[in-house]
Every structure is written in C-alpha cells, then in structure tokens.
Amino acid sequence: MKKQITFAILLFSSFGAFAQVTREELDKEIKPLTENVKTLQSGNSKLKSEIVTLNTKLSVANTNIDSLSKSIDSLRNQMQVNDDAIAQTASELGIKIKETGDQNAGEINKVSDSLSINSLYGIIGVLSSILLSGLLY
C-alpha cells in the first residue's frame, strides 16, 4: 500500500509541474501568434481595399468599353451610309460620262460630215476652176 501512495504522490506532483510550465509556455506562444494575427488582419484590410479599388476601375473600364462599342457601331453605320453615297455618286458619274461620250461622238460625226461635204465642194470648185481655165485658154 505504501507503494501505491508513493506512486499517487509522484503522479499528482508531476501534473502540477506540467501545469506551471504550460502557463509560461502559453504566454510565450500567444504573443507571436497575436502578432501574426494582427499582421494577417492588416494584410487582409489592404487586400480588401485593393479589391474595392480594382472593382471601381473595372466598372469604369466596362463603362468605357460600352461607350466605345456604341461609338464603333455609330462609325460603322456612318461608313455604310458613306459607302452607299459613294456608290450612288459613282453610278451617276458613269451615266453622265457615257452621255457626254455619246454627245461628243455625235458632234464629232457632224463635224466630220461637214468637213467631208466642204472638202467635196472645195475639190469640185478647184476642178471646176481648172476646167474653166483650160476652156478659156
């Protein structure tokens, strides 16, 4: 029985020694952990503020993209209108050039016919005067 009592006393005294050491060790371990938690919290706060800033920039960029997209669509529509106007003007100019060419061809034919008739009259006049000169001589 003495052995059991001795064993119980040793067992209880060892528990008391563990309790005293753990309190000091806990204090030593808690301080760095507390500092780590504070560091992580400040880092988390910085990241949250960066997220807010990036979200703001992203919303501004989306707004700019929307306005640029509308501008591009407007420019495409204007370009289509300009293409149609150019095609119509080219068609009208082609028709006018053809009409002018036809008119010029007609005028050239008239002038050619007129010159031919005048040349014929001139040749007849020259031959008539040669013949008349030969008869009078």
N, C-alpha and C. Protein backbone atom coordinates (compact mmCIF):
# COMPACT_ATOMS: atom_id res chain seq x y z
N MET A 1 0.80 -1.16 0.00
CA MET A 1 0.00 0.00 0.00
C MET A 1 0.86 1.26 0.00
N LYS A 2 2.00 1.19 0.62
CA LYS A 2 2.89 2.32 0.63
C LYS A 2 3.34 2.64 -0.80
N LYS A 3 3.50 1.58 -1.53
CA LYS A 3 3.94 1.80 -2.91
C LYS A 3 2.87 2.55 -3.70
N GLN A 4 1.64 2.25 -3.48
CA GLN A 4 0.56 2.90 -4.21
C GLN A 4 0.45 4.36 -3.81
N ILE A 5 0.62 4.67 -2.55
CA ILE A 5 0.55 6.04 -2.09
C ILE A 5 1.71 6.83 -2.68
N THR A 6 2.87 6.25 -2.69
CA THR A 6 4.05 6.91 -3.23
C THR A 6 3.82 7.17 -4.74
N PHE A 7 3.32 6.18 -5.36
CA PHE A 7 3.07 6.33 -6.79
C PHE A 7 2.05 7.44 -7.04
N ALA A 8 1.00 7.54 -6.25
CA ALA A 8 -0.03 8.56 -6.40
C ALA A 8 0.54 9.93 -6.14
N ILE A 9 1.42 10.07 -5.14
CA ILE A 9 2.02 11.37 -4.83
C ILE A 9 2.91 11.81 -6.00
N LEU A 10 3.68 10.90 -6.54
CA LEU A 10 4.55 11.23 -7.68
C LEU A 10 3.71 11.62 -8.91
N LEU A 11 2.64 10.94 -9.09
CA LEU A 11 1.78 11.22 -10.23
C LEU A 11 1.16 12.61 -10.11
N PHE A 12 0.61 12.93 -8.96
CA PHE A 12 -0.01 14.24 -8.77
C PHE A 12 1.00 15.38 -8.82
N SER A 13 2.19 15.16 -8.31
CA SER A 13 3.20 16.20 -8.33
C SER A 13 3.68 16.47 -9.76
N SER A 14 3.71 15.44 -10.59
CA SER A 14 4.12 15.65 -11.97
C SER A 14 3.05 16.46 -12.73
N PHE A 15 1.78 16.26 -12.41
CA PHE A 15 0.73 17.06 -13.05
C PHE A 15 0.87 18.52 -12.67
N GLY A 16 1.21 18.81 -11.46
CA GLY A 16 1.40 20.18 -11.01
C GLY A 16 2.56 20.84 -11.73
N ALA A 17 3.63 20.11 -11.98
CA ALA A 17 4.79 20.66 -12.68
C ALA A 17 4.43 20.98 -14.13
N PHE A 18 3.65 20.12 -14.75
CA PHE A 18 3.22 20.39 -16.12
C PHE A 18 2.35 21.64 -16.19
N ALA A 19 1.49 21.85 -15.22
CA ALA A 19 0.59 23.00 -15.20
C ALA A 19 1.37 24.28 -15.08
N GLN A 20 2.42 24.34 -14.32
CA GLN A 20 3.20 25.56 -14.15
C GLN A 20 3.98 25.88 -15.42
N VAL A 21 4.54 24.90 -16.08
CA VAL A 21 5.34 25.12 -17.29
C VAL A 21 4.44 25.56 -18.44
N THR A 22 3.29 24.99 -18.59
CA THR A 22 2.43 25.31 -19.70
C THR A 22 1.93 26.74 -19.66
N ARG A 23 1.72 27.31 -18.52
CA ARG A 23 1.25 28.69 -18.42
C ARG A 23 2.30 29.63 -19.00
N GLU A 24 3.54 29.44 -18.64
CA GLU A 24 4.61 30.29 -19.15
C GLU A 24 4.82 30.05 -20.64
N GLU A 25 4.77 28.80 -21.03
CA GLU A 25 4.94 28.48 -22.45
C GLU A 25 3.79 29.04 -23.27
N LEU A 26 2.60 28.97 -22.71
CA LEU A 26 1.45 29.51 -23.41
C LEU A 26 1.60 31.01 -23.62
N ASP A 27 2.06 31.72 -22.62
CA ASP A 27 2.27 33.16 -22.76
C ASP A 27 3.30 33.45 -23.86
N LYS A 28 4.36 32.65 -23.89
CA LYS A 28 5.40 32.84 -24.90
C LYS A 28 4.87 32.56 -26.31
N GLU A 29 4.01 31.56 -26.45
CA GLU A 29 3.47 31.20 -27.76
C GLU A 29 2.34 32.13 -28.19
N ILE A 30 1.59 32.67 -27.26
CA ILE A 30 0.44 33.51 -27.58
C ILE A 30 0.89 34.84 -28.17
N LYS A 31 1.97 35.44 -27.63
CA LYS A 31 2.42 36.74 -28.13
C LYS A 31 2.77 36.70 -29.62
N PRO A 32 3.59 35.76 -30.11
CA PRO A 32 3.86 35.74 -31.56
C PRO A 32 2.62 35.44 -32.38
N LEU A 33 1.75 34.60 -31.86
CA LEU A 33 0.52 34.29 -32.58
C LEU A 33 -0.38 35.51 -32.69
N THR A 34 -0.43 36.29 -31.62
CA THR A 34 -1.23 37.51 -31.63
C THR A 34 -0.66 38.49 -32.65
N GLU A 35 0.65 38.61 -32.69
CA GLU A 35 1.28 39.50 -33.67
C GLU A 35 1.01 39.01 -35.09
N ASN A 36 1.07 37.71 -35.30
CA ASN A 36 0.78 37.15 -36.62
C ASN A 36 -0.67 37.44 -37.03
N VAL A 37 -1.58 37.33 -36.08
CA VAL A 37 -2.99 37.60 -36.37
C VAL A 37 -3.17 39.07 -36.75
N LYS A 38 -2.50 39.97 -36.02
CA LYS A 38 -2.59 41.40 -36.34
C LYS A 38 -2.02 41.68 -37.72
N THR A 39 -0.90 41.04 -38.06
CA THR A 39 -0.29 41.22 -39.37
C THR A 39 -1.23 40.72 -40.47
N LEU A 40 -1.82 39.56 -40.23
CA LEU A 40 -2.75 39.00 -41.21
C LEU A 40 -3.99 39.87 -41.37
N GLN A 41 -4.47 40.44 -40.26
CA GLN A 41 -5.64 41.31 -40.33
C GLN A 41 -5.32 42.58 -41.11
N SER A 42 -4.14 43.17 -40.88
CA SER A 42 -3.79 44.38 -41.63
C SER A 42 -3.60 44.05 -43.11
N GLY A 43 -2.97 42.89 -43.41
CA GLY A 43 -2.84 42.47 -44.81
C GLY A 43 -4.20 42.23 -45.44
N ASN A 44 -5.11 41.65 -44.70
CA ASN A 44 -6.47 41.41 -45.19
C ASN A 44 -7.17 42.74 -45.48
N SER A 45 -6.98 43.71 -44.60
CA SER A 45 -7.59 45.03 -44.82
C SER A 45 -7.04 45.68 -46.09
N LYS A 46 -5.73 45.57 -46.29
CA LYS A 46 -5.12 46.14 -47.51
C LYS A 46 -5.67 45.45 -48.75
N LEU A 47 -5.78 44.14 -48.69
CA LEU A 47 -6.31 43.40 -49.84
C LEU A 47 -7.76 43.77 -50.13
N LYS A 48 -8.55 43.96 -49.07
CA LYS A 48 -9.94 44.37 -49.27
C LYS A 48 -10.02 45.73 -49.94
N SER A 49 -9.16 46.67 -49.50
CA SER A 49 -9.18 48.00 -50.11
C SER A 49 -8.71 47.92 -51.57
N GLU A 50 -7.75 47.05 -51.87
CA GLU A 50 -7.31 46.88 -53.25
C GLU A 50 -8.42 46.28 -54.10
N ILE A 51 -9.18 45.36 -53.53
CA ILE A 51 -10.31 44.77 -54.26
C ILE A 51 -11.35 45.84 -54.59
N VAL A 52 -11.63 46.71 -53.64
CA VAL A 52 -12.59 47.78 -53.88
C VAL A 52 -12.08 48.70 -54.99
N THR A 53 -10.78 49.03 -54.93
CA THR A 53 -10.19 49.90 -55.96
C THR A 53 -10.26 49.23 -57.33
N LEU A 54 -9.92 47.95 -57.39
CA LEU A 54 -9.96 47.23 -58.66
C LEU A 54 -11.38 47.11 -59.19
N ASN A 55 -12.34 46.89 -58.30
CA ASN A 55 -13.74 46.83 -58.74
C ASN A 55 -14.19 48.16 -59.32
N THR A 56 -13.75 49.25 -58.69
CA THR A 56 -14.09 50.58 -59.20
C THR A 56 -13.49 50.79 -60.59
N LYS A 57 -12.21 50.43 -60.72
CA LYS A 57 -11.55 50.58 -62.02
C LYS A 57 -12.22 49.70 -63.06
N LEU A 58 -12.61 48.51 -62.67
CA LEU A 58 -13.26 47.59 -63.60
C LEU A 58 -14.61 48.14 -64.06
N SER A 59 -15.37 48.72 -63.16
CA SER A 59 -16.66 49.28 -63.56
C SER A 59 -16.47 50.47 -64.49
N VAL A 60 -15.43 51.28 -64.23
CA VAL A 60 -15.14 52.41 -65.12
C VAL A 60 -14.72 51.88 -66.49
N ALA A 61 -13.89 50.84 -66.50
CA ALA A 61 -13.44 50.26 -67.76
C ALA A 61 -14.63 49.68 -68.54
N ASN A 62 -15.55 49.03 -67.83
CA ASN A 62 -16.73 48.48 -68.50
C ASN A 62 -17.57 49.59 -69.11
N THR A 63 -17.69 50.71 -68.39
CA THR A 63 -18.44 51.85 -68.91
C THR A 63 -17.75 52.39 -70.16
N ASN A 64 -16.42 52.49 -70.11
CA ASN A 64 -15.68 52.97 -71.28
C ASN A 64 -15.83 52.02 -72.45
N ILE A 65 -15.81 50.73 -72.17
CA ILE A 65 -15.96 49.74 -73.24
C ILE A 65 -17.34 49.87 -73.88
N ASP A 66 -18.37 50.08 -73.06
CA ASP A 66 -19.72 50.24 -73.59
C ASP A 66 -19.81 51.47 -74.49
N SER A 67 -19.24 52.59 -74.03
CA SER A 67 -19.30 53.81 -74.84
C SER A 67 -18.47 53.65 -76.11
N LEU A 68 -17.33 52.97 -76.02
CA LEU A 68 -16.52 52.74 -77.22
C LEU A 68 -17.25 51.82 -78.20
N SER A 69 -17.94 50.83 -77.68
CA SER A 69 -18.70 49.93 -78.53
C SER A 69 -19.80 50.69 -79.27
N LYS A 70 -20.47 51.58 -78.57
CA LYS A 70 -21.51 52.40 -79.21
C LYS A 70 -20.90 53.30 -80.27
N SER A 71 -19.75 53.87 -79.97
CA SER A 71 -19.07 54.74 -80.95
C SER A 71 -18.68 53.95 -82.19
N ILE A 72 -18.18 52.74 -81.99
CA ILE A 72 -17.79 51.90 -83.12
C ILE A 72 -19.00 51.56 -83.97
N ASP A 73 -20.12 51.23 -83.32
CA ASP A 73 -21.34 50.93 -84.07
C ASP A 73 -21.81 52.14 -84.86
N SER A 74 -21.74 53.31 -84.24
CA SER A 74 -22.13 54.54 -84.93
C SER A 74 -21.23 54.80 -86.13
N LEU A 75 -19.93 54.60 -85.95
CA LEU A 75 -18.99 54.80 -87.06
C LEU A 75 -19.23 53.79 -88.18
N ARG A 76 -19.57 52.57 -87.82
CA ARG A 76 -19.88 51.57 -88.86
C ARG A 76 -21.11 51.97 -89.66
N ASN A 77 -22.12 52.47 -88.96
CA ASN A 77 -23.33 52.91 -89.65
C ASN A 77 -23.02 54.08 -90.58
N GLN A 78 -22.23 55.04 -90.09
CA GLN A 78 -21.87 56.19 -90.90
C GLN A 78 -21.04 55.76 -92.11
N MET A 79 -20.16 54.79 -91.91
CA MET A 79 -19.35 54.28 -93.01
C MET A 79 -20.23 53.62 -94.07
N GLN A 80 -21.25 52.89 -93.64
CA GLN A 80 -22.16 52.26 -94.59
C GLN A 80 -22.92 53.31 -95.39
N VAL A 81 -23.36 54.37 -94.71
CA VAL A 81 -24.06 55.46 -95.40
C VAL A 81 -23.12 56.10 -96.43
N ASN A 82 -21.86 56.33 -96.02
CA ASN A 82 -20.89 56.93 -96.94
C ASN A 82 -20.62 56.01 -98.13
N ASP A 83 -20.51 54.71 -97.88
CA ASP A 83 -20.29 53.76 -98.98
C ASP A 83 -21.45 53.80 -99.97
N ASP A 84 -22.66 53.86 -99.45
CA ASP A 84 -23.84 53.93 -100.33
C ASP A 84 -23.83 55.22 -101.15
N ALA A 85 -23.48 56.34 -100.50
CA ALA A 85 -23.44 57.62 -101.20
C ALA A 85 -22.36 57.61 -102.28
N ILE A 86 -21.21 57.02 -101.98
CA ILE A 86 -20.12 56.94 -102.97
C ILE A 86 -20.54 56.07 -104.15
N ALA A 87 -21.20 54.95 -103.87
CA ALA A 87 -21.65 54.07 -104.95
C ALA A 87 -22.67 54.78 -105.83
N GLN A 88 -23.58 55.52 -105.22
CA GLN A 88 -24.59 56.24 -105.99
C GLN A 88 -23.93 57.33 -106.84
N THR A 89 -22.98 58.07 -106.26
CA THR A 89 -22.29 59.12 -106.99
C THR A 89 -21.49 58.54 -108.15
N ALA A 90 -20.83 57.41 -107.92
CA ALA A 90 -20.07 56.75 -108.98
C ALA A 90 -20.99 56.32 -110.11
N SER A 91 -22.15 55.80 -109.76
CA SER A 91 -23.12 55.38 -110.77
C SER A 91 -23.60 56.58 -111.59
N GLU A 92 -23.93 57.67 -110.91
CA GLU A 92 -24.38 58.88 -111.61
C GLU A 92 -23.29 59.44 -112.51
N LEU A 93 -22.05 59.44 -112.01
CA LEU A 93 -20.95 59.94 -112.83
C LEU A 93 -20.71 59.05 -114.04
N GLY A 94 -20.85 57.74 -113.87
CA GLY A 94 -20.70 56.83 -115.00
C GLY A 94 -21.73 57.11 -116.08
N ILE A 95 -22.96 57.34 -115.66
CA ILE A 95 -24.03 57.65 -116.61
C ILE A 95 -23.73 58.96 -117.33
N LYS A 96 -23.31 59.98 -116.57
CA LYS A 96 -23.02 61.28 -117.18
C LYS A 96 -21.83 61.20 -118.13
N ILE A 97 -20.81 60.42 -117.79
CA ILE A 97 -19.66 60.25 -118.67
C ILE A 97 -20.09 59.56 -119.96
N LYS A 98 -20.96 58.56 -119.84
CA LYS A 98 -21.45 57.87 -121.04
C LYS A 98 -22.25 58.82 -121.92
N GLU A 99 -23.12 59.61 -121.31
CA GLU A 99 -23.91 60.57 -122.09
C GLU A 99 -23.00 61.59 -122.77
N THR A 100 -22.00 62.08 -122.04
CA THR A 100 -21.08 63.06 -122.62
C THR A 100 -20.29 62.44 -123.76
N GLY A 101 -19.86 61.19 -123.58
CA GLY A 101 -19.15 60.49 -124.67
C GLY A 101 -20.02 60.33 -125.89
N ASP A 102 -21.29 59.97 -125.68
CA ASP A 102 -22.21 59.82 -126.82
C ASP A 102 -22.43 61.16 -127.52
N GLN A 103 -22.58 62.23 -126.75
CA GLN A 103 -22.77 63.56 -127.35
C GLN A 103 -21.54 63.98 -128.14
N ASN A 104 -20.35 63.73 -127.55
CA ASN A 104 -19.12 64.09 -128.25
C ASN A 104 -18.97 63.29 -129.54
N ALA A 105 -19.31 62.01 -129.49
CA ALA A 105 -19.23 61.19 -130.70
C ALA A 105 -20.17 61.72 -131.77
N GLY A 106 -21.36 62.12 -131.38
CA GLY A 106 -22.32 62.69 -132.34
C GLY A 106 -21.80 64.00 -132.92
N GLU A 107 -21.24 64.85 -132.08
CA GLU A 107 -20.70 66.13 -132.56
C GLU A 107 -19.52 65.91 -133.50
N ILE A 108 -18.66 64.95 -133.15
CA ILE A 108 -17.50 64.65 -134.00
C ILE A 108 -17.97 64.13 -135.35
N ASN A 109 -19.01 63.30 -135.36
CA ASN A 109 -19.55 62.80 -136.63
C ASN A 109 -20.13 63.95 -137.46
N LYS A 110 -20.82 64.88 -136.81
CA LYS A 110 -21.38 66.03 -137.53
C LYS A 110 -20.26 66.87 -138.14
N VAL A 111 -19.21 67.12 -137.35
CA VAL A 111 -18.09 67.91 -137.85
C VAL A 111 -17.40 67.18 -138.98
N SER A 112 -17.24 65.88 -138.84
CA SER A 112 -16.60 65.08 -139.89
C SER A 112 -17.43 65.11 -141.16
N ASP A 113 -18.73 64.95 -141.01
CA ASP A 113 -19.61 65.01 -142.19
C ASP A 113 -19.54 66.39 -142.83
N SER A 114 -19.54 67.42 -142.02
CA SER A 114 -19.48 68.79 -142.52
C SER A 114 -18.17 69.03 -143.26
N LEU A 115 -17.06 68.54 -142.69
CA LEU A 115 -15.77 68.70 -143.35
C LEU A 115 -15.73 67.91 -144.65
N SER A 116 -16.32 66.77 -144.66
CA SER A 116 -16.34 65.95 -145.87
C SER A 116 -17.10 66.66 -146.98
N ILE A 117 -18.22 67.22 -146.65
CA ILE A 117 -19.04 67.92 -147.65
C ILE A 117 -18.30 69.18 -148.12
N ASN A 118 -17.71 69.92 -147.16
CA ASN A 118 -16.98 71.13 -147.53
C ASN A 118 -15.75 70.78 -148.37
N SER A 119 -15.09 69.67 -148.03
CA SER A 119 -13.93 69.25 -148.82
C SER A 119 -14.37 68.86 -150.22
N LEU A 120 -15.49 68.19 -150.33
CA LEU A 120 -16.01 67.81 -151.63
C LEU A 120 -16.35 69.03 -152.46
N TYR A 121 -17.00 70.01 -151.84
CA TYR A 121 -17.32 71.25 -152.55
C TYR A 121 -16.05 71.99 -152.95
N GLY A 122 -15.05 71.93 -152.07
CA GLY A 122 -13.78 72.60 -152.40
C GLY A 122 -13.09 71.93 -153.57
N ILE A 123 -13.08 70.61 -153.59
CA ILE A 123 -12.45 69.87 -154.69
C ILE A 123 -13.20 70.13 -155.99
N ILE A 124 -14.52 70.13 -155.91
CA ILE A 124 -15.33 70.40 -157.11
C ILE A 124 -15.06 71.82 -157.60
N GLY A 125 -14.95 72.76 -156.67
CA GLY A 125 -14.67 74.15 -157.06
C GLY A 125 -13.31 74.27 -157.72
N VAL A 126 -12.29 73.60 -157.16
CA VAL A 126 -10.94 73.67 -157.73
C VAL A 126 -10.93 73.02 -159.11
N LEU A 127 -11.56 71.86 -159.24
CA LEU A 127 -11.60 71.19 -160.53
C LEU A 127 -12.40 72.01 -161.57
N SER A 128 -13.45 72.63 -161.10
CA SER A 128 -14.27 73.48 -162.00
C SER A 128 -13.45 74.66 -162.48
N SER A 129 -12.70 75.27 -161.56
CA SER A 129 -11.89 76.42 -161.96
C SER A 129 -10.76 75.99 -162.89
N ILE A 130 -10.18 74.80 -162.69
CA ILE A 130 -9.14 74.30 -163.60
C ILE A 130 -9.76 74.02 -164.97
N LEU A 131 -10.90 73.41 -164.96
CA LEU A 131 -11.59 73.11 -166.22
C LEU A 131 -11.99 74.40 -166.94
N LEU A 132 -12.50 75.34 -166.22
CA LEU A 132 -12.89 76.64 -166.80
C LEU A 132 -11.66 77.36 -167.30
N SER A 133 -10.57 77.29 -166.58
CA SER A 133 -9.32 77.94 -167.02
C SER A 133 -8.81 77.25 -168.28
N GLY A 134 -8.90 75.95 -168.34
CA GLY A 134 -8.45 75.20 -169.54
C GLY A 134 -9.32 75.52 -170.74
N LEU A 135 -10.60 75.69 -170.57
CA LEU A 135 -11.51 76.01 -171.66
C LEU A 135 -11.28 77.45 -172.15
N LEU A 136 -11.05 78.32 -171.25
CA LEU A 136 -10.84 79.71 -171.64
C LEU A 136 -9.48 79.90 -172.30
N TYR A 137 -8.56 79.14 -171.99
CA TYR A 137 -7.24 79.25 -172.58
C TYR A 137 -7.31 78.74 -174.00
